Amino acid sequence: METRKLGSSDLNVTPVGIGTWATAIEVEKAEINGATLDLSSLQATSGNFKMQGGLYVQTDSGAQPAISFAKKQFDSDKVTYTVRAKKTDGREGFLIIFGAADNKNYYWWNVGGWENTQHGIEQITNGGTSILTQKRGTIQNNTWYTMKVELS
């Protein structure tokens, strides 16, 4: 995926999260600026997220979307958000959430979206979605992926 400047200095001050679209996942770990994010502290707004066997799992492969936000805000000149996760079931992939003003206004990196044919960056405004950029690509079931978003 190419680098794209989104033009908002607020992106590095606001919460992050994880989500899915019609997909079940397992999240092994998440980090902010190299510090481990306590996955059990994430707050789900939709879907069926829970801690299971040391992993943060989302098991509702029908949820469109399933979203869970970190409660903590991160205020830094640069924020690096890293997630290690795998898809276990479903039609699509991961939503790596960043720049969240609240649960209706944020950005997500859609990995394996559009029936697992594309990756893209989308902006969610008052619940509506706008595609900022996308590129062909897929993800595989039961394969661990490490995804990183850098905000500055």
C-alpha atoms as a PDB file:
ATOM      1  CA  MET A   1       0.000   0.000   0.000  1.00  0.00           C
ATOM      2  CA  GLU A   2       1.330   3.428  -0.880  1.00  0.00           C
ATOM      3  CA  THR A   3       1.820   6.297   1.568  1.00  0.00           C
ATOM      4  CA  ARG A   4      -0.901   8.964   1.512  1.00  0.00           C
ATOM      5  CA  LYS A   5      -1.005  12.174   3.546  1.00  0.00           C
ATOM      6  CA  LEU A   6      -4.506  12.756   4.904  1.00  0.00           C
ATOM      7  CA  GLY A   7      -3.924  16.357   5.974  1.00  0.00           C
ATOM      8  CA  SER A   8      -5.266  16.380   9.513  1.00  0.00           C
ATOM      9  CA  SER A   9      -3.071  17.141  12.501  1.00  0.00           C
ATOM     10  CA  ASP A  10      -5.795  15.664  14.745  1.00  0.00           C
ATOM     11  CA  LEU A  11      -5.137  12.130  13.475  1.00  0.00           C
ATOM     12  CA  ASN A  12      -2.262  11.614  15.908  1.00  0.00           C
ATOM     13  CA  VAL A  13      -4.203  12.743  19.003  1.00  0.00           C
ATOM     14  CA  THR A  14      -7.228  10.468  18.852  1.00  0.00           C
ATOM     15  CA  PRO A  15      -8.034   6.822  19.608  1.00  0.00           C
ATOM     16  CA  VAL A  16      -7.419   3.774  17.478  1.00  0.00           C
ATOM     17  CA  GLY A  17      -9.345   0.533  17.126  1.00  0.00           C
ATOM     18  CA  ILE A  18      -9.892  -2.719  15.274  1.00  0.00           C
ATOM     19  CA  GLY A  19     -12.831  -3.912  13.248  1.00  0.00           C
ATOM     20  CA  THR A  20     -14.140  -6.300  10.626  1.00  0.00           C
ATOM     21  CA  TRP A  21     -16.765  -6.425   7.906  1.00  0.00           C
ATOM     22  CA  ALA A  22     -18.611  -9.766   7.636  1.00  0.00           C
ATOM     23  CA  THR A  23     -15.502 -11.477   9.026  1.00  0.00           C
ATOM     24  CA  ALA A  24     -14.303 -13.217  12.200  1.00  0.00           C
ATOM     25  CA  ILE A  25     -10.752 -12.467  13.384  1.00  0.00           C
ATOM     26  CA  GLU A  26      -8.229 -13.102  16.127  1.00  0.00           C
ATOM     27  CA  VAL A  27      -5.930 -10.309  17.295  1.00  0.00           C
ATOM     28  CA  GLU A  28      -2.696 -11.433  18.920  1.00  0.00           C
ATOM     29  CA  LYS A  29      -1.342  -8.000  19.818  1.00  0.00           C
ATOM     30  CA  ALA A  30      -1.548  -4.294  19.161  1.00  0.00           C
ATOM     31  CA  GLU A  31       1.016  -1.597  19.915  1.00  0.00           C
ATOM     32  CA  ILE A  32       1.086   2.188  20.004  1.00  0.00           C
ATOM     33  CA  ASN A  33       4.567   3.651  19.536  1.00  0.00           C
ATOM     34  CA  GLY A  34       6.052   0.294  20.558  1.00  0.00           C
ATOM     35  CA  ALA A  35       4.049   0.023  23.808  1.00  0.00           C
ATOM     36  CA  THR A  36       1.635  -2.898  24.079  1.00  0.00           C
ATOM     37  CA  LEU A  37      -2.040  -1.935  23.972  1.00  0.00           C
ATOM     38  CA  ASP A  38      -4.129  -3.857  26.527  1.00  0.00           C
ATOM     39  CA  LEU A  39      -6.569  -5.616  24.186  1.00  0.00           C
ATOM     40  CA  SER A  40      -8.943  -6.399  27.059  1.00  0.00           C
ATOM     41  CA  SER A  41      -9.469  -2.646  27.492  1.00  0.00           C
ATOM     42  CA  LEU A  42     -10.899  -2.144  23.994  1.00  0.00           C
ATOM     43  CA  GLN A  43     -14.577  -1.197  23.921  1.00  0.00           C
ATOM     44  CA  ALA A  44     -16.821  -2.795  21.292  1.00  0.00           C
ATOM     45  CA  THR A  45     -19.571  -0.700  19.720  1.00  0.00           C
ATOM     46  CA  SER A  46     -20.750  -3.531  17.445  1.00  0.00           C
ATOM     47  CA  GLY A  47     -19.924  -7.175  16.761  1.00  0.00           C
ATOM     48  CA  ASN A  48     -18.988  -9.881  19.244  1.00  0.00           C
ATOM     49  CA  PHE A  49     -15.528  -9.036  20.633  1.00  0.00           C
ATOM     50  CA  LYS A  50     -14.062 -10.840  23.652  1.00  0.00           C
ATOM     51  CA  MET A  51     -10.813 -12.100  25.118  1.00  0.00           C
ATOM     52  CA  GLN A  52     -10.363 -15.818  24.470  1.00  0.00           C
ATOM     53  CA  GLY A  53      -7.191 -17.813  25.123  1.00  0.00           C
ATOM     54  CA  GLY A  54      -5.073 -14.646  25.317  1.00  0.00           C
ATOM     55  CA  LEU A  55      -6.395 -13.367  21.966  1.00  0.00           C
ATOM     56  CA  TYR A  56      -8.901 -10.606  21.270  1.00  0.00           C
ATOM     57  CA  VAL A  57     -11.458 -12.271  19.000  1.00  0.00           C
ATOM     58  CA  GLN A  58     -14.418 -11.049  16.976  1.00  0.00           C
ATOM     59  CA  THR A  59     -16.662 -14.036  16.216  1.00  0.00           C
ATOM     60  CA  ASP A  60     -19.689 -12.519  14.445  1.00  0.00           C
ATOM     61  CA  SER A  61     -18.881 -13.083  10.755  1.00  0.00           C
ATOM     62  CA  GLY A  62     -22.172 -11.404   9.835  1.00  0.00           C
ATOM     63  CA  ALA A  63     -21.536  -8.034  11.517  1.00  0.00           C
ATOM     64  CA  GLN A  64     -21.244  -5.156   9.023  1.00  0.00           C
ATOM     65  CA  PRO A  65     -19.194  -3.660  10.628  1.00  0.00           C
ATOM     66  CA  ALA A  66     -17.913  -5.003  13.942  1.00  0.00           C
ATOM     67  CA  ILE A  67     -15.969  -2.198  15.656  1.00  0.00           C
ATOM     68  CA  SER A  68     -13.948  -1.940  18.872  1.00  0.00           C
ATOM     69  CA  PHE A  69     -12.136   1.231  20.031  1.00  0.00           C
ATOM     70  CA  ALA A  70      -9.284   1.820  22.466  1.00  0.00           C
ATOM     71  CA  LYS A  71     -10.498   4.001  25.326  1.00  0.00           C
ATOM     72  CA  LYS A  72      -7.151   5.790  25.646  1.00  0.00           C
ATOM     73  CA  GLN A  73      -6.155   8.778  23.535  1.00  0.00           C
ATOM     74  CA  PHE A  74      -2.623   9.031  22.209  1.00  0.00           C
ATOM     75  CA  ASP A  75      -1.067  12.477  21.956  1.00  0.00           C
ATOM     76  CA  SER A  76       2.277  12.535  20.193  1.00  0.00           C
ATOM     77  CA  ASP A  77       3.951  14.190  17.201  1.00  0.00           C
ATOM     78  CA  LYS A  78       4.037  10.746  15.602  1.00  0.00           C
ATOM     79  CA  VAL A  79       1.856   7.723  16.320  1.00  0.00           C
ATOM     80  CA  THR A  80       2.710   4.262  15.026  1.00  0.00           C
ATOM     81  CA  TYR A  81      -0.171   1.802  15.461  1.00  0.00           C
ATOM     82  CA  THR A  82       0.682  -1.855  14.815  1.00  0.00           C
ATOM     83  CA  VAL A  83      -1.785  -4.775  14.858  1.00  0.00           C
ATOM     84  CA  ARG A  84      -1.036  -8.494  14.469  1.00  0.00           C
ATOM     85  CA  ALA A  85      -4.180 -10.407  13.504  1.00  0.00           C
ATOM     86  CA  LYS A  86      -5.586 -13.197  11.383  1.00  0.00           C
ATOM     87  CA  LYS A  87      -8.882 -13.773   9.640  1.00  0.00           C
ATOM     88  CA  THR A  88     -10.600 -16.997  10.748  1.00  0.00           C
ATOM     89  CA  ASP A  89     -13.884 -16.845   8.817  1.00  0.00           C
ATOM     90  CA  GLY A  90     -15.931 -14.590   6.579  1.00  0.00           C
ATOM     91  CA  ARG A  91     -16.020 -12.753   3.259  1.00  0.00           C
ATOM     92  CA  GLU A  92     -13.708  -9.817   3.910  1.00  0.00           C
ATOM     93  CA  GLY A  93     -10.895  -8.786   6.262  1.00  0.00           C
ATOM     94  CA  PHE A  94      -9.649  -6.285   8.824  1.00  0.00           C
ATOM     95  CA  LEU A  95     -10.531  -2.676   9.569  1.00  0.00           C
ATOM     96  CA  ILE A  96      -7.582  -0.926  11.221  1.00  0.00           C
ATOM     97  CA  ILE A  97      -9.148   2.152  12.830  1.00  0.00           C
ATOM     98  CA  PHE A  98      -7.311   5.420  13.465  1.00  0.00           C
ATOM     99  CA  GLY A  99      -8.016   9.141  13.819  1.00  0.00           C
ATOM    100  CA  ALA A 100     -11.244   8.505  15.727  1.00  0.00           C
ATOM    101  CA  ALA A 101     -13.018  11.634  16.938  1.00  0.00           C
ATOM    102  CA  ASP A 102     -15.881   9.446  18.202  1.00  0.00           C
ATOM    103  CA  ASN A 103     -17.677   6.237  17.190  1.00  0.00           C
ATOM    104  CA  LYS A 104     -19.191   7.844  14.067  1.00  0.00           C
ATOM    105  CA  ASN A 105     -16.177   9.823  12.782  1.00  0.00           C
ATOM    106  CA  TYR A 106     -12.865   8.100  12.058  1.00  0.00           C
ATOM    107  CA  TYR A 107     -10.699   6.528   9.376  1.00  0.00           C
ATOM    108  CA  TRP A 108     -10.057   2.880   8.678  1.00  0.00           C
ATOM    109  CA  TRP A 109      -7.576   0.935   6.630  1.00  0.00           C
ATOM    110  CA  ASN A 110      -9.745  -1.714   5.028  1.00  0.00           C
ATOM    111  CA  VAL A 111      -7.505  -4.752   4.451  1.00  0.00           C
ATOM    112  CA  GLY A 112      -9.167  -7.420   2.283  1.00  0.00           C
ATOM    113  CA  GLY A 113     -12.358  -5.441   1.734  1.00  0.00           C
ATOM    114  CA  TRP A 114     -14.823  -5.438  -1.159  1.00  0.00           C
ATOM    115  CA  GLU A 115     -15.333  -9.225  -0.967  1.00  0.00           C
ATOM    116  CA  ASN A 116     -11.574  -9.662  -0.269  1.00  0.00           C
ATOM    117  CA  THR A 117     -10.481  -8.067  -3.569  1.00  0.00           C
ATOM    118  CA  GLN A 118      -9.174  -4.637  -2.441  1.00  0.00           C
ATOM    119  CA  HIS A 119      -7.316  -2.765   0.291  1.00  0.00           C
ATOM    120  CA  GLY A 120      -8.218   0.856   0.923  1.00  0.00           C
ATOM    121  CA  ILE A 121      -8.287   3.854   3.229  1.00  0.00           C
ATOM    122  CA  GLU A 122     -11.777   5.108   4.030  1.00  0.00           C
ATOM    123  CA  GLN A 123     -13.078   8.061   5.999  1.00  0.00           C
ATOM    124  CA  ILE A 124     -16.204   7.548   8.087  1.00  0.00           C
ATOM    125  CA  THR A 125     -18.125  10.788   8.713  1.00  0.00           C
ATOM    126  CA  ASN A 126     -21.355  10.657  10.733  1.00  0.00           C
ATOM    127  CA  GLY A 127     -21.533   6.942   9.885  1.00  0.00           C
ATOM    128  CA  GLY A 128     -21.198   7.442   6.095  1.00  0.00           C
ATOM    129  CA  THR A 129     -18.142   6.097   4.251  1.00  0.00           C
ATOM    130  CA  SER A 130     -15.926   7.780   1.626  1.00  0.00           C
ATOM    131  CA  ILE A 131     -13.122   5.917  -0.145  1.00  0.00           C
ATOM    132  CA  LEU A 132      -9.890   7.947  -0.128  1.00  0.00           C
ATOM    133  CA  THR A 133      -7.709   5.389  -1.930  1.00  0.00           C
ATOM    134  CA  GLN A 134      -7.826   1.708  -2.801  1.00  0.00           C
ATOM    135  CA  LYS A 135      -5.672  -0.944  -4.427  1.00  0.00           C
ATOM    136  CA  ARG A 136      -6.269  -4.535  -5.518  1.00  0.00           C
ATOM    137  CA  GLY A 137      -5.269  -7.154  -2.957  1.00  0.00           C
ATOM    138  CA  THR A 138      -6.472 -10.096  -0.884  1.00  0.00           C
ATOM    139  CA  ILE A 139      -5.765 -11.796   2.440  1.00  0.00           C
ATOM    140  CA  GLN A 140      -5.819 -15.492   3.332  1.00  0.00           C
ATOM    141  CA  ASN A 141      -7.698 -17.260   6.124  1.00  0.00           C
ATOM    142  CA  ASN A 142      -5.644 -18.426   9.123  1.00  0.00           C
ATOM    143  CA  THR A 143      -2.558 -16.429   8.136  1.00  0.00           C
ATOM    144  CA  TRP A 144      -1.082 -13.946  10.618  1.00  0.00           C
ATOM    145  CA  TYR A 145      -0.657 -10.408   9.286  1.00  0.00           C
ATOM    146  CA  THR A 146       1.192  -7.535  10.930  1.00  0.00           C
ATOM    147  CA  MET A 147      -0.316  -4.213   9.845  1.00  0.00           C
ATOM    148  CA  LYS A 148       1.117  -0.797  10.689  1.00  0.00           C
ATOM    149  CA  VAL A 149      -0.319   2.710  10.397  1.00  0.00           C
ATOM    150  CA  GLU A 150       2.032   5.664  10.902  1.00  0.00           C
ATOM    151  CA  LEU A 151       0.512   9.071  11.644  1.00  0.00           C
ATOM    152  CA  SER A 152       2.504  12.278  11.810  1.00  0.00           C
END
